[in-house]
């Protein structure tokens, strides 16, 4: 970080009583919101609903057992080292 930016960050931290890290987080979030457009909380749920469509091969217990499907236990045969 160049000296001018560090000085500005230090000044803002003193003026707002926020940590420098918090100011950086807020700045990052503000830039992201500007670039992506403000999105309401939960908006990503709209993208997920119906993402699998009516695929018949989707297990009916996918929501309850998602970790088991994402990270299956290794087979007993493949766990052995010969």
Protein backbone atom coordinates (compact mmCIF):
# COMPACT_ATOMS: atom_id res chain seq x y z
CA UNK A 1 0.00 0.00 0.00
CA UNK A 2 1.46 3.32 -0.95
CA UNK A 3 1.98 5.98 1.75
CA UNK A 4 -0.94 8.19 0.61
CA UNK A 5 -3.39 5.28 0.76
CA UNK A 6 -2.08 4.21 4.15
CA UNK A 7 -2.45 7.76 5.47
CA UNK A 8 -6.01 7.94 4.15
CA UNK A 9 -6.84 4.59 5.74
CA UNK A 10 -5.36 5.68 9.06
CA UNK A 11 -7.34 8.95 8.95
CA UNK A 12 -10.61 7.14 8.23
CA UNK A 13 -9.91 4.65 11.01
CA UNK A 14 -9.38 7.51 13.46
CA UNK A 15 -12.48 9.40 12.28
CA UNK A 16 -14.82 6.41 12.31
CA UNK A 17 -13.36 4.36 15.19
CA UNK A 18 -13.41 1.37 12.85
CA UNK A 19 -10.42 -0.88 12.37
CA UNK A 20 -8.45 -0.59 9.17
CA UNK A 21 -9.48 -4.15 8.32
CA UNK A 22 -13.17 -3.29 8.73
CA UNK A 23 -12.78 -0.23 6.52
CA UNK A 24 -11.12 -2.37 3.84
CA UNK A 25 -13.92 -4.99 4.08
CA UNK A 26 -16.58 -2.30 3.74
CA UNK A 27 -14.80 -0.72 0.82
CA UNK A 28 -14.48 -4.07 -0.92
CA UNK A 29 -18.17 -4.81 -0.40
CA UNK A 30 -19.16 -1.37 -1.67
CA UNK A 31 -17.10 -1.78 -4.84
CA UNK A 32 -18.52 -5.26 -5.42
CA UNK A 33 -22.07 -3.96 -4.99
CA UNK A 34 -21.42 -1.16 -7.46
CA UNK A 35 -19.90 -3.48 -10.04
CA UNK A 36 -22.42 -6.28 -9.68
CA UNK A 37 -25.44 -4.17 -8.89
CA UNK A 38 -27.00 -4.27 -5.48
CA UNK A 39 -28.57 -7.63 -4.78
CA UNK A 40 -31.11 -8.26 -2.10
CA UNK A 41 -30.27 -10.85 0.55
CA UNK A 42 -31.45 -14.28 -0.52
CA UNK A 43 -31.40 -13.37 -4.20
CA UNK A 44 -29.16 -16.31 -5.01
CA UNK A 45 -31.95 -18.64 -3.92
CA UNK A 46 -33.87 -17.57 -7.03
CA UNK A 47 -30.97 -18.86 -9.14
CA UNK A 48 -31.00 -22.22 -7.37
CA UNK A 49 -34.72 -22.94 -7.42
CA UNK A 50 -35.39 -25.20 -10.36
CA UNK A 51 -31.71 -25.51 -11.25
CA UNK A 52 -32.03 -29.29 -11.41
CA UNK A 53 -35.28 -29.08 -13.34
CA UNK A 54 -37.32 -32.25 -13.32
CA UNK A 55 -34.32 -34.53 -13.65
CA UNK A 56 -35.53 -37.98 -12.59
CA UNK A 57 -32.08 -39.18 -11.53
CA UNK A 58 -31.85 -36.62 -8.72
CA UNK A 59 -32.09 -38.46 -5.38
CA UNK A 60 -35.16 -37.54 -3.36
CA UNK A 61 -33.01 -37.16 -0.22
CA UNK A 62 -30.48 -34.84 -1.87
CA UNK A 63 -31.21 -31.92 0.45
CA UNK A 64 -30.94 -33.98 3.62
CA UNK A 65 -27.86 -35.95 2.58
CA UNK A 66 -26.05 -33.46 0.33
CA UNK A 67 -22.69 -33.93 2.06
CA UNK A 68 -22.83 -37.68 1.50
CA UNK A 69 -23.41 -37.11 -2.21
CA UNK A 70 -20.74 -34.42 -2.50
CA UNK A 71 -18.12 -36.23 -0.43
CA UNK A 72 -18.79 -39.97 -0.63
CA UNK A 73 -16.89 -42.29 1.68
CA UNK A 74 -14.06 -44.10 -0.09
CA UNK A 75 -14.75 -47.70 -1.11
CA UNK A 76 -13.23 -50.32 1.14
CA UNK A 77 -11.40 -51.80 -1.88
CA UNK A 78 -9.92 -48.47 -3.01
CA UNK A 79 -8.86 -47.58 0.54
CA UNK A 80 -6.53 -50.59 0.68
CA UNK A 81 -2.99 -50.06 -0.48
CA UNK A 82 -1.40 -53.13 -2.01
